[in-house]
N, C-alpha and C. Protein backbone atom coordinates (compact mmCIF):
# COMPACT_ATOMS: atom_id res chain seq x y z
N MET A 1 4.03 7.53 5.33
CA MET A 1 3.93 7.10 6.89
C MET A 1 4.55 8.03 7.71
N SER A 2 6.30 8.76 6.70
CA SER A 2 6.85 9.93 7.56
C SER A 2 5.74 11.10 7.46
N VAL A 3 4.49 11.49 6.99
CA VAL A 3 4.12 12.67 7.44
C VAL A 3 2.55 12.66 8.15
N LEU A 4 2.07 10.97 9.01
CA LEU A 4 1.81 10.44 9.21
C LEU A 4 2.51 10.62 11.20
N HIS A 5 3.45 9.93 10.70
CA HIS A 5 4.20 10.36 12.34
C HIS A 5 4.10 11.41 12.21
N MET A 6 4.81 12.43 11.30
CA MET A 6 5.16 13.82 12.06
C MET A 6 3.58 14.80 12.63
N TYR A 7 2.36 13.78 12.17
CA TYR A 7 0.98 14.19 12.57
C TYR A 7 0.74 14.04 14.26
N GLU A 8 1.60 12.99 14.20
CA GLU A 8 1.03 12.12 15.35
C GLU A 8 1.97 12.89 16.77
N SER A 9 3.61 12.90 16.29
CA SER A 9 3.91 14.01 17.02
C SER A 9 3.90 14.91 17.23
N PHE A 10 3.11 16.10 16.89
CA PHE A 10 2.37 16.96 16.74
C PHE A 10 0.96 16.84 17.68
N GLY A 11 0.39 15.89 17.44
CA GLY A 11 -0.65 15.53 18.63
C GLY A 11 -1.78 15.46 17.49
N TRP A 12 -2.05 15.92 16.04
CA TRP A 12 -2.88 15.96 15.52
C TRP A 12 -3.79 14.96 14.48
N TRP A 13 -2.92 14.12 15.14
CA TRP A 13 -3.74 12.95 14.91
C TRP A 13 -2.93 11.01 15.36
N ARG A 14 -4.06 10.70 15.62
CA ARG A 14 -3.87 9.53 16.51
C ARG A 14 -4.75 7.81 15.81
N ARG A 15 -4.17 7.87 14.36
CA ARG A 15 -4.61 6.78 13.85
C ARG A 15 -3.26 5.70 13.69
N ALA A 16 -3.51 4.61 14.71
CA ALA A 16 -2.49 3.26 14.25
C ALA A 16 -2.39 2.80 13.43
N ASP A 17 -4.22 2.83 13.24
CA ASP A 17 -4.49 1.41 11.90
C ASP A 17 -4.34 1.97 10.63
N TYR A 18 -3.83 2.77 10.48
CA TYR A 18 -3.37 3.83 9.32
C TYR A 18 -1.78 3.31 9.29
N LEU A 19 -1.33 4.07 9.92
CA LEU A 19 0.43 3.27 10.18
C LEU A 19 0.47 1.90 10.07
N LYS A 20 -0.30 1.00 10.50
CA LYS A 20 -0.28 -0.19 10.25
C LYS A 20 -0.29 -0.92 9.07
N VAL A 21 -1.36 -0.17 8.07
CA VAL A 21 -1.79 -0.58 7.25
C VAL A 21 -0.89 -0.10 5.99
N HIS A 22 -0.61 1.29 6.32
CA HIS A 22 0.61 1.28 5.49
C HIS A 22 1.78 0.64 5.15
N PHE A 23 2.51 0.19 6.79
CA PHE A 23 3.42 -0.14 6.53
C PHE A 23 3.41 -1.74 5.71
N ALA A 24 2.15 -2.37 6.13
CA ALA A 24 1.79 -3.78 4.98
C ALA A 24 1.88 -3.41 4.12
N GLU A 25 1.60 -2.10 3.34
CA GLU A 25 1.15 -1.67 1.82
C GLU A 25 2.93 -1.51 1.20
N SER A 26 3.75 -0.90 2.72
CA SER A 26 5.32 -0.66 1.78
C SER A 26 6.03 -2.19 1.71
N TRP A 27 5.16 -2.69 2.30
CA TRP A 27 5.96 -4.23 2.99
C TRP A 27 4.77 -4.77 1.58
N ASN A 28 4.82 -5.16 0.74
CA ASN A 28 4.11 -5.71 -0.03
C ASN A 28 4.86 -5.04 -1.50
N GLU A 29 4.86 -4.22 -1.53
CA GLU A 29 5.35 -3.44 -2.53
C GLU A 29 6.27 -3.42 -2.75
N MET A 30 7.14 -3.58 -1.75
CA MET A 30 8.95 -4.36 -1.85
C MET A 30 8.88 -5.76 -2.16
N HIS A 31 7.57 -6.28 -1.87
CA HIS A 31 7.94 -7.46 -2.22
C HIS A 31 7.84 -7.68 -3.79
N HIS A 32 6.91 -6.60 -4.72
CA HIS A 32 6.70 -6.75 -6.29
C HIS A 32 7.98 -6.17 -6.36
N LEU A 33 8.79 -5.92 -6.17
CA LEU A 33 9.88 -4.69 -6.90
C LEU A 33 10.76 -5.95 -6.55
N LEU A 34 11.32 -6.54 -4.83
CA LEU A 34 12.23 -7.98 -5.11
C LEU A 34 11.91 -8.81 -6.36
N ILE A 35 10.73 -9.35 -6.38
CA ILE A 35 10.13 -9.94 -7.18
C ILE A 35 10.34 -9.73 -8.67
N MET A 36 10.43 -8.32 -9.58
CA MET A 36 10.54 -7.70 -10.69
C MET A 36 12.39 -8.16 -10.56
N GLU A 37 13.03 -7.77 -9.75
CA GLU A 37 14.30 -7.39 -9.70
C GLU A 37 15.14 -9.07 -9.58
N GLU A 38 14.54 -10.36 -9.15
CA GLU A 38 14.77 -11.50 -8.83
C GLU A 38 14.39 -11.78 -10.92
N LEU A 39 13.66 -11.30 -11.59
CA LEU A 39 13.63 -11.74 -13.21
C LEU A 39 13.93 -10.73 -13.66
N GLY A 40 14.95 -9.77 -13.12
CA GLY A 40 15.98 -9.32 -14.28
C GLY A 40 15.73 -7.84 -14.38
N GLY A 41 14.84 -6.99 -13.48
CA GLY A 41 14.23 -6.08 -14.26
C GLY A 41 15.32 -5.09 -13.74
N ASN A 42 16.33 -5.31 -12.77
CA ASN A 42 17.45 -3.97 -12.96
C ASN A 42 18.74 -4.05 -12.97
N ALA A 43 18.45 -5.13 -13.93
CA ALA A 43 19.93 -5.03 -14.90
C ALA A 43 20.88 -4.32 -15.84
N TRP A 44 19.91 -3.29 -16.24
CA TRP A 44 20.59 -1.89 -16.61
C TRP A 44 20.57 -0.97 -16.00
N TRP A 45 21.65 -0.54 -15.95
CA TRP A 45 22.14 1.05 -14.81
C TRP A 45 20.43 2.03 -15.28
N PHE A 46 20.88 1.94 -16.64
CA PHE A 46 20.02 3.29 -16.77
C PHE A 46 18.10 3.00 -16.37
N ASP A 47 17.69 2.00 -16.25
CA ASP A 47 16.56 1.48 -15.51
C ASP A 47 16.47 1.84 -14.05
N ARG A 48 17.71 1.78 -13.84
CA ARG A 48 18.05 1.50 -12.33
C ARG A 48 17.26 3.25 -12.13
N PHE A 49 18.67 3.78 -12.88
CA PHE A 49 18.26 5.54 -12.60
C PHE A 49 17.23 6.05 -12.38
N LEU A 50 16.99 5.71 -13.76
CA LEU A 50 15.49 6.05 -14.11
C LEU A 50 14.27 5.67 -12.75
N ALA A 51 14.20 4.85 -12.10
CA ALA A 51 13.34 4.40 -11.63
C ALA A 51 13.65 5.17 -9.66
N GLN A 52 15.27 4.47 -10.05
CA GLN A 52 15.27 5.43 -8.74
C GLN A 52 15.18 7.12 -8.24
N HIS A 53 14.81 7.25 -9.72
CA HIS A 53 15.12 8.80 -9.96
C HIS A 53 13.13 9.30 -9.41
N ILE A 54 12.56 8.84 -10.53
CA ILE A 54 10.92 8.89 -10.11
C ILE A 54 10.46 8.40 -9.25
N ALA A 55 10.87 7.27 -8.39
CA ALA A 55 10.85 7.16 -6.46
C ALA A 55 10.88 8.25 -6.01
N ILE A 56 12.03 9.23 -5.96
CA ILE A 56 12.32 9.88 -5.47
C ILE A 56 11.55 11.61 -5.86
N PHE A 57 10.96 11.70 -6.56
CA PHE A 57 10.11 12.78 -7.07
C PHE A 57 8.53 11.81 -6.54
N TYR A 58 8.23 11.07 -7.12
CA TYR A 58 6.85 10.56 -6.35
C TYR A 58 6.41 10.56 -4.85
N TYR A 59 8.14 10.44 -4.37
CA TYR A 59 8.34 10.88 -2.39
C TYR A 59 8.15 11.80 -2.40
N LEU A 60 8.64 13.01 -3.02
CA LEU A 60 8.30 14.42 -1.94
C LEU A 60 6.85 14.75 -2.97
N MET A 61 6.75 13.75 -4.20
CA MET A 61 5.46 14.80 -4.51
C MET A 61 3.84 14.26 -3.73
N THR A 62 3.72 13.05 -2.61
CA THR A 62 2.99 12.95 -1.98
C THR A 62 2.78 13.33 -0.80
N VAL A 63 4.50 13.82 -0.13
CA VAL A 63 4.54 13.78 0.76
C VAL A 63 4.03 14.88 0.88
N PHE A 64 4.12 15.51 0.14
CA PHE A 64 3.22 17.25 -0.33
C PHE A 64 2.44 17.55 -0.13
N MET A 65 1.80 16.81 -1.16
CA MET A 65 0.46 16.73 -1.65
C MET A 65 -0.44 15.74 -0.33
N TYR A 66 -0.07 14.88 0.81
CA TYR A 66 -0.14 14.38 1.81
C TYR A 66 -0.32 15.63 3.15
N ALA A 67 0.18 16.34 2.75
CA ALA A 67 1.17 17.43 3.89
C ALA A 67 -0.29 17.99 3.99
N LEU A 68 -0.56 18.82 2.50
CA LEU A 68 -1.78 19.54 2.32
C LEU A 68 -3.23 18.81 2.39
N SER A 69 -3.13 18.37 2.12
CA SER A 69 -4.86 17.08 1.77
C SER A 69 -4.40 16.14 2.06
N PRO A 70 -4.85 15.09 3.06
CA PRO A 70 -4.55 13.63 2.81
C PRO A 70 -5.35 13.13 1.13
N ARG A 71 -6.75 13.26 1.47
CA ARG A 71 -7.52 12.54 0.69
C ARG A 71 -7.09 13.36 -0.90
N MET A 72 -6.19 14.35 -1.30
CA MET A 72 -6.09 14.56 -2.45
C MET A 72 -4.83 13.95 -2.57
N ALA A 73 -4.12 13.11 -1.32
CA ALA A 73 -2.91 12.31 -1.90
C ALA A 73 -3.37 11.25 -1.87
N TYR A 74 -4.44 10.38 -0.80
CA TYR A 74 -4.97 9.28 -1.15
C TYR A 74 -5.82 8.80 -3.03
N HIS A 75 -6.09 10.19 -3.35
CA HIS A 75 -7.02 9.84 -4.58
C HIS A 75 -5.98 9.66 -5.48
N PHE A 76 -4.64 10.41 -5.41
CA PHE A 76 -3.69 9.93 -6.39
C PHE A 76 -2.90 8.74 -6.42
N SER A 77 -2.86 8.54 -5.29
CA SER A 77 -2.17 6.80 -4.65
C SER A 77 -2.78 6.18 -5.91
N GLU A 78 -4.51 6.38 -5.61
CA GLU A 78 -5.42 5.72 -5.72
C GLU A 78 -5.44 5.11 -7.45
N CYS A 79 -5.57 6.23 -8.27
CA CYS A 79 -4.86 6.43 -9.96
C CYS A 79 -3.78 5.92 -10.12
N VAL A 80 -3.11 5.47 -9.00
CA VAL A 80 -1.57 5.03 -9.49
C VAL A 80 -1.51 3.92 -9.43
N GLU A 81 -2.31 3.26 -8.23
CA GLU A 81 -2.50 2.06 -8.28
C GLU A 81 -3.71 1.24 -9.23
N SER A 82 -4.32 2.29 -9.98
CA SER A 82 -5.64 1.57 -10.62
C SER A 82 -5.33 1.62 -11.97
N HIS A 83 -3.66 2.51 -12.70
CA HIS A 83 -3.21 2.33 -13.47
C HIS A 83 -2.00 1.26 -13.32
N ALA A 84 -1.73 0.88 -12.43
CA ALA A 84 -0.71 -0.76 -11.82
C ALA A 84 -1.72 -2.11 -12.34
N PHE A 85 -2.85 -1.44 -11.73
CA PHE A 85 -3.72 -2.56 -11.65
C PHE A 85 -4.09 -3.17 -13.59
N GLU A 86 -4.27 -2.40 -14.09
CA GLU A 86 -4.52 -2.32 -15.82
C GLU A 86 -3.44 -2.72 -15.92
N THR A 87 -2.41 -2.06 -16.00
CA THR A 87 -0.75 -2.62 -16.57
C THR A 87 -0.76 -4.09 -16.62
N TYR A 88 -1.05 -4.16 -15.51
CA TYR A 88 -0.61 -5.97 -14.83
C TYR A 88 -1.83 -6.46 -15.50
N ASP A 89 -3.12 -6.67 -15.49
CA ASP A 89 -4.48 -7.30 -15.73
C ASP A 89 -4.08 -7.28 -17.77
N LYS A 90 -3.43 -6.52 -18.07
CA LYS A 90 -3.30 -6.34 -19.69
C LYS A 90 -2.05 -7.73 -20.54
N PHE A 91 -0.93 -7.14 -19.46
CA PHE A 91 0.31 -8.10 -19.48
C PHE A 91 -0.26 -9.50 -19.09
N VAL A 92 -1.28 -9.74 -17.85
CA VAL A 92 -1.49 -11.68 -17.53
C VAL A 92 -2.23 -12.30 -18.98
N LYS A 93 -2.86 -10.79 -19.20
CA LYS A 93 -4.31 -11.66 -20.70
C LYS A 93 -3.19 -11.97 -21.58
N SER A 94 -2.37 -11.03 -21.78
CA SER A 94 -1.64 -11.27 -23.15
C SER A 94 -0.69 -11.63 -23.49
N HIS A 95 0.19 -12.54 -22.15
CA HIS A 95 1.49 -13.83 -22.11
C HIS A 95 0.70 -14.64 -21.00
N GLY A 96 -0.24 -14.48 -20.54
CA GLY A 96 -0.29 -15.59 -19.79
C GLY A 96 -0.24 -16.98 -20.39
N ASP A 97 -0.57 -17.66 -21.85
CA ASP A 97 0.72 -19.12 -21.88
C ASP A 97 2.08 -18.96 -22.11
N GLU A 98 3.00 -17.70 -22.62
CA GLU A 98 4.25 -17.51 -21.80
C GLU A 98 4.67 -18.02 -20.51
N LEU A 99 3.63 -17.18 -19.89
CA LEU A 99 4.22 -16.83 -17.86
C LEU A 99 3.51 -18.53 -17.43
N ARG A 100 3.11 -19.21 -18.19
CA ARG A 100 2.78 -20.82 -17.68
C ARG A 100 3.68 -21.09 -17.43
N LYS A 101 4.20 -21.44 -18.09
CA LYS A 101 5.76 -21.99 -18.59
C LYS A 101 6.89 -21.79 -18.15
N LEU A 102 7.37 -20.51 -17.05
CA LEU A 102 7.99 -19.96 -16.26
C LEU A 102 7.97 -20.32 -14.72
N PRO A 103 8.97 -20.49 -14.34
CA PRO A 103 8.63 -20.76 -13.04
C PRO A 103 8.46 -19.71 -12.28
N ALA A 104 8.68 -19.83 -10.90
CA ALA A 104 7.82 -18.78 -10.37
C ALA A 104 9.30 -18.06 -9.63
N PRO A 105 9.29 -16.84 -9.36
CA PRO A 105 10.70 -16.82 -8.52
C PRO A 105 10.75 -16.90 -7.22
N GLU A 106 11.53 -17.67 -6.39
CA GLU A 106 11.67 -18.11 -5.63
C GLU A 106 11.49 -16.64 -4.02
N VAL A 107 11.84 -15.84 -4.40
CA VAL A 107 10.99 -13.93 -3.12
C VAL A 107 9.88 -14.93 -3.53
N ALA A 108 8.60 -14.84 -4.46
CA ALA A 108 7.62 -14.62 -4.60
C ALA A 108 6.90 -16.08 -3.72
N VAL A 109 7.24 -16.96 -3.86
CA VAL A 109 7.19 -18.16 -3.68
C VAL A 109 6.92 -17.97 -1.82
N ARG A 110 8.25 -17.54 -1.50
CA ARG A 110 8.51 -17.11 0.05
C ARG A 110 7.70 -16.27 0.51
N TYR A 111 7.06 -15.03 -0.25
CA TYR A 111 6.40 -14.27 0.17
C TYR A 111 4.57 -14.22 0.12
N TYR A 112 4.08 -15.32 -0.87
CA TYR A 112 2.53 -15.42 -1.23
C TYR A 112 2.16 -16.88 -0.01
N THR A 113 3.19 -17.57 0.10
CA THR A 113 3.19 -19.06 0.44
C THR A 113 3.42 -19.18 1.83
N GLU A 114 4.55 -18.80 2.44
CA GLU A 114 5.53 -19.14 3.10
C GLU A 114 5.94 -18.07 4.19
N GLY A 115 5.76 -18.83 5.82
CA GLY A 115 5.75 -17.79 7.06
C GLY A 115 4.96 -17.31 7.60
N ASP A 116 5.27 -16.43 7.95
CA ASP A 116 3.66 -15.33 9.04
C ASP A 116 3.11 -14.26 8.00
N LEU A 117 2.37 -14.95 7.73
CA LEU A 117 1.41 -13.50 6.56
C LEU A 117 0.48 -12.91 7.29
N TYR A 118 0.78 -12.48 8.24
CA TYR A 118 0.35 -11.17 8.67
C TYR A 118 0.50 -10.16 8.01
N LEU A 119 1.32 -9.63 7.62
CA LEU A 119 1.21 -8.20 6.81
C LEU A 119 1.10 -8.54 5.24
N PHE A 120 0.96 -9.36 5.03
CA PHE A 120 0.23 -9.59 3.94
C PHE A 120 -0.99 -9.84 3.73
N ASP A 121 -2.08 -10.16 5.06
CA ASP A 121 -3.98 -10.86 5.80
C ASP A 121 -3.51 -8.40 6.13
N GLU A 122 -2.78 -7.51 6.32
CA GLU A 122 -2.62 -6.16 6.72
C GLU A 122 -3.07 -5.39 5.94
N PHE A 123 -2.48 -5.46 4.60
CA PHE A 123 -3.13 -4.08 3.57
C PHE A 123 -4.08 -4.57 2.94
N GLN A 124 -4.87 -5.69 3.18
CA GLN A 124 -5.56 -5.95 2.18
C GLN A 124 -7.24 -5.94 3.41
N THR A 125 -7.63 -4.52 3.81
CA THR A 125 -8.17 -3.87 4.49
C THR A 125 -10.06 -4.08 4.24
N SER A 126 -10.07 -4.73 3.23
CA SER A 126 -11.52 -4.62 3.18
C SER A 126 -12.10 -6.74 2.94
N ARG A 127 -11.23 -7.59 3.42
CA ARG A 127 -10.64 -8.69 3.45
C ARG A 127 -10.85 -9.14 5.02
N VAL A 128 -11.55 -9.98 5.55
CA VAL A 128 -11.43 -10.66 6.51
C VAL A 128 -9.90 -11.81 6.51
N PRO A 129 -9.40 -11.41 7.50
CA PRO A 129 -7.59 -12.40 7.83
C PRO A 129 -7.76 -13.83 7.35
N ASN A 130 -6.75 -13.41 5.73
CA ASN A 130 -6.64 -15.79 6.23
C ASN A 130 -7.29 -15.37 4.66
N THR A 131 -8.43 -15.00 5.07
CA THR A 131 -9.03 -15.16 3.28
C THR A 131 -8.50 -15.70 2.05
N ARG A 132 -7.18 -14.57 1.60
CA ARG A 132 -6.69 -15.32 0.68
C ARG A 132 -5.47 -15.39 0.68
N ARG A 133 -5.35 -16.88 0.01
CA ARG A 133 -3.86 -17.56 0.11
C ARG A 133 -3.70 -17.92 -1.31
N PRO A 134 -2.67 -17.39 -1.91
CA PRO A 134 -2.29 -17.33 -3.35
C PRO A 134 -1.96 -18.72 -3.50
N LYS A 135 -2.08 -19.05 -4.73
CA LYS A 135 -1.22 -20.50 -5.35
C LYS A 135 -0.45 -19.58 -6.17
N ILE A 136 0.59 -20.39 -5.91
CA ILE A 136 2.01 -19.61 -6.63
C ILE A 136 2.92 -20.90 -7.36
N GLU A 137 1.93 -21.18 -8.70
CA GLU A 137 3.08 -22.97 -9.72
C GLU A 137 3.44 -21.94 -10.49
N ASN A 138 3.81 -21.36 -10.83
CA ASN A 138 4.28 -20.28 -12.20
C ASN A 138 4.51 -19.06 -12.20
N LEU A 139 4.82 -18.60 -13.67
CA LEU A 139 5.31 -17.01 -13.52
C LEU A 139 3.85 -16.57 -13.31
N TYR A 140 2.96 -17.33 -14.36
CA TYR A 140 1.50 -16.33 -14.48
C TYR A 140 0.90 -16.18 -13.22
N ASP A 141 0.43 -17.27 -11.86
CA ASP A 141 0.68 -17.00 -11.00
C ASP A 141 0.88 -15.86 -9.81
N VAL A 142 2.00 -15.57 -10.16
CA VAL A 142 2.58 -14.56 -9.60
C VAL A 142 2.57 -13.35 -9.92
N PHE A 143 1.54 -13.37 -11.57
CA PHE A 143 1.37 -11.91 -11.96
C PHE A 143 0.20 -11.74 -11.73
N VAL A 144 -0.55 -12.26 -11.45
CA VAL A 144 -2.21 -12.42 -11.18
C VAL A 144 -2.07 -11.81 -9.42
N ASN A 145 -1.05 -12.34 -9.11
CA ASN A 145 -1.41 -12.24 -7.40
C ASN A 145 -1.22 -10.75 -7.41
N VAL A 146 0.13 -10.33 -8.07
CA VAL A 146 0.47 -8.66 -8.35
C VAL A 146 -0.27 -7.80 -8.75
N ARG A 147 -1.10 -8.22 -9.48
CA ARG A 147 -1.92 -7.54 -9.85
C ARG A 147 -3.22 -7.37 -9.57
N ASP A 148 -3.95 -8.60 -8.21
CA ASP A 148 -5.10 -8.32 -6.91
C ASP A 148 -4.29 -7.71 -6.39
N ASP A 149 -2.67 -7.63 -5.64
CA ASP A 149 -2.82 -6.59 -4.74
C ASP A 149 -2.77 -5.26 -5.50
N GLU A 150 -2.79 -5.15 -6.38
CA GLU A 150 -2.51 -4.13 -6.69
C GLU A 150 -4.30 -3.71 -6.94
N ALA A 151 -5.30 -4.41 -6.83
CA ALA A 151 -6.81 -3.99 -6.92
C ALA A 151 -7.18 -3.79 -5.35
N GLU A 152 -6.59 -4.48 -4.42
CA GLU A 152 -6.47 -4.48 -2.75
C GLU A 152 -6.25 -3.23 -2.18
N HIS A 153 -4.32 -2.70 -3.08
CA HIS A 153 -3.98 -1.40 -2.96
C HIS A 153 -5.24 -0.29 -2.81
N CYS A 154 -5.91 -0.01 -4.44
CA CYS A 154 -7.01 0.94 -4.85
C CYS A 154 -8.21 0.59 -3.99
N LYS A 155 -8.39 -0.23 -3.38
CA LYS A 155 -9.47 -0.39 -2.61
C LYS A 155 -9.38 0.43 -1.42
N THR A 156 -8.14 0.39 -0.57
CA THR A 156 -7.51 0.95 1.09
C THR A 156 -7.09 2.62 0.26
N MET A 157 -6.95 2.34 -0.54
CA MET A 157 -6.76 4.65 -1.08
C MET A 157 -8.13 4.73 -1.24
N LYS A 158 -9.06 4.58 -1.96
CA LYS A 158 -10.49 4.60 -1.51
C LYS A 158 -11.38 5.18 -0.62
N ALA A 159 -10.73 4.00 0.94
CA ALA A 159 -10.95 4.06 1.68
C ALA A 159 -10.25 4.76 2.27
N CYS A 160 -9.66 4.81 2.33
CA CYS A 160 -8.21 6.29 3.19
C CYS A 160 -9.15 7.29 2.41
N GLN A 161 -9.75 8.00 1.33
CA GLN A 161 -10.20 8.70 1.16
C GLN A 161 -11.42 9.29 2.39
N ARG A 162 -12.37 8.72 2.92
CA ARG A 162 -12.83 8.96 3.65
C ARG A 162 -12.26 9.27 4.91
N HIS A 163 -12.22 9.92 5.94
CA HIS A 163 -11.30 9.77 6.75
C HIS A 163 -12.03 9.24 8.15
N GLY A 164 -11.78 8.60 8.50
CA GLY A 164 -11.18 7.75 9.66
C GLY A 164 -12.07 6.38 9.85
N SER A 165 -11.86 6.22 7.92
CA SER A 165 -13.02 5.13 7.64
C SER A 165 -11.93 3.59 7.81
N ILE A 166 -11.10 3.89 7.65
CA ILE A 166 -10.24 2.29 7.63
C ILE A 166 -9.05 2.23 9.10
N ARG A 167 -9.30 0.19 9.10
CA ARG A 167 -9.20 -0.13 10.23
C ARG A 167 -8.46 -1.24 9.77
N SER A 168 -7.57 -1.33 10.35
CA SER A 168 -6.85 -2.50 9.95
C SER A 168 -7.96 -3.60 10.62
N PRO A 169 -7.34 -5.24 9.27
CA PRO A 169 -7.89 -6.15 9.34
C PRO A 169 -7.67 -7.49 10.60
N HIS A 170 -6.85 -6.75 11.42
CA HIS A 170 -6.40 -7.28 12.76
C HIS A 170 -7.16 -6.28 13.76
N SER A 171 -7.25 -4.98 13.41
CA SER A 171 -7.65 -3.87 14.95
C SER A 171 -8.64 -5.13 16.27
N PHE A 172 -8.64 -4.87 17.46
CA PHE A 172 -9.11 -5.52 18.44
C PHE A 172 -10.43 -4.42 18.45
N SER A 173 -11.27 -4.10 19.05
CA SER A 173 -12.31 -3.57 19.53
C SER A 173 -11.83 -2.41 20.37
N GLU A 174 -10.90 -3.00 21.53
CA GLU A 174 -10.70 -2.44 22.92
C GLU A 174 -9.71 -1.16 22.21
N GLU A 175 -9.23 -1.67 21.34
CA GLU A 175 -7.88 -0.69 20.06
C GLU A 175 -8.52 0.63 19.21
N CYS A 176 -9.81 0.28 18.79
CA CYS A 176 -10.52 1.11 18.24
C CYS A 176 -11.76 1.69 19.52
N ASP A 177 -11.71 1.79 20.47
CA ASP A 177 -12.75 2.57 21.24
C ASP A 177 -11.04 3.69 21.84
N VAL A 178 -10.25 3.05 21.77
CA VAL A 178 -9.03 4.43 21.94
C VAL A 178 -9.42 5.17 21.30
N VAL A 179 -8.83 4.55 19.70
CA VAL A 179 -8.85 5.65 18.91
C VAL A 179 -9.73 6.58 18.22
N SER A 180 -10.98 5.82 18.78
CA SER A 180 -12.25 6.48 18.33
C SER A 180 -12.27 8.05 19.58
N SER A 181 -11.74 7.68 20.55
CA SER A 181 -11.53 9.10 21.71
C SER A 181 -10.55 10.13 21.45
N HIS A 182 -9.32 10.08 20.51
CA HIS A 182 -8.97 10.37 20.07
C HIS A 182 -9.89 10.85 18.46
N HIS A 183 -10.11 10.85 18.00
CA HIS A 183 -11.33 11.06 16.59
C HIS A 183 -11.28 12.46 16.39
N ARG A 184 -11.66 13.42 17.40
CA ARG A 184 -12.12 14.60 18.18
C ARG A 184 -10.91 14.98 17.70
N ARG A 185 -9.35 15.37 17.62
CA ARG A 185 -7.71 15.57 17.46
C ARG A 185 -8.03 15.90 16.03
N ASP A 186 -8.24 14.43 15.29
CA ASP A 186 -7.74 14.37 13.69
C ASP A 186 -8.06 15.62 12.80
N CYS A 187 -7.32 15.45 12.31
CA CYS A 187 -7.87 17.08 11.31
C CYS A 187 -7.37 16.28 9.53
N GLU A 188 -7.05 16.22 8.49
CA GLU A 188 -7.32 16.59 7.74
C GLU A 188 -6.23 17.98 6.56
N GLY A 189 -5.25 17.33 6.76
CA GLY A 189 -4.18 17.71 6.05
C GLY A 189 -3.42 19.36 6.70
N ILE A 190 -2.41 20.09 6.61
CA ILE A 190 -1.61 21.06 7.69
C ILE A 190 -2.34 22.22 7.67
N LEU A 191 -3.36 22.14 6.84
CA LEU A 191 -3.58 23.58 7.57
C LEU A 191 -5.23 23.40 8.19
N ASP A 192 -5.55 22.58 8.17
CA ASP A 192 -7.05 22.03 8.66
C ASP A 192 -6.21 21.81 10.34
N CYS A 193 -5.07 21.06 10.66
CA CYS A 193 -4.15 20.79 11.97
C CYS A 193 -4.10 22.01 12.84
N ILE A 194 -3.84 22.89 11.99
CA ILE A 194 -3.33 24.41 12.79
C ILE A 194 -4.26 24.83 12.90
N GLN A 195 -5.44 24.83 11.87
CA GLN A 195 -6.80 25.41 12.57
C GLN A 195 -7.41 25.03 13.71
N LYS A 196 -6.51 24.07 13.62
CA LYS A 196 -7.74 22.74 14.55
C LYS A 196 -6.58 23.03 16.37
N SER A 197 -5.58 23.13 16.05
CA SER A 197 -4.74 23.52 17.51
C SER A 197 -4.92 24.98 17.97
N VAL A 198 -5.43 25.80 16.93
CA VAL A 198 -5.80 26.50 17.51
C VAL A 198 -6.89 27.21 18.18
N ALA A 199 -7.57 26.62 18.16
CA ALA A 199 -8.69 26.75 18.22
C ALA A 199 -8.85 26.07 19.81
N ASP A 200 -8.17 24.82 19.95
CA ASP A 200 -8.45 24.07 21.30
C ASP A 200 -7.75 25.49 22.23
């Protein structure tokens, strides 16, 4: 999102849908983190230290990649999300019986079933809003939904690799008309943006 904001500030990119979808994705990932913390995933100092430093490295690496080539950064993120999906899928299949006996964390119940689910719908770009409403009765349901979220992130990252193809599930046609008028100025990566700026 930081590079998208920079592109918009320079007038190189006008894609509100990308910002909305990416914010919703980060909101979703934050709730995954809160769920894991409530389950005790941040109990050990070393685990927190390692996770925080990996997050800093990942952020810097993806910002650099995105600045050079959004397509490359989205492909990398798709690979990360795909690995996360596979990891959760194996975990759910191998520990399903145990997980069904454990209660769901309160933060998961609130995120998936209560309140305004606009942001929950927003990151699922391959679905119509209000079509996925998870049930959360136990810890198994939580991990199944986290896994399914990762699958949705994979679809979004794949769509983002086709420049200009992603739309917010809540976009109105008038918004899309305004965005399409700016499509000519869009660019792919900082080198492409500089080249188009000089040409204009």
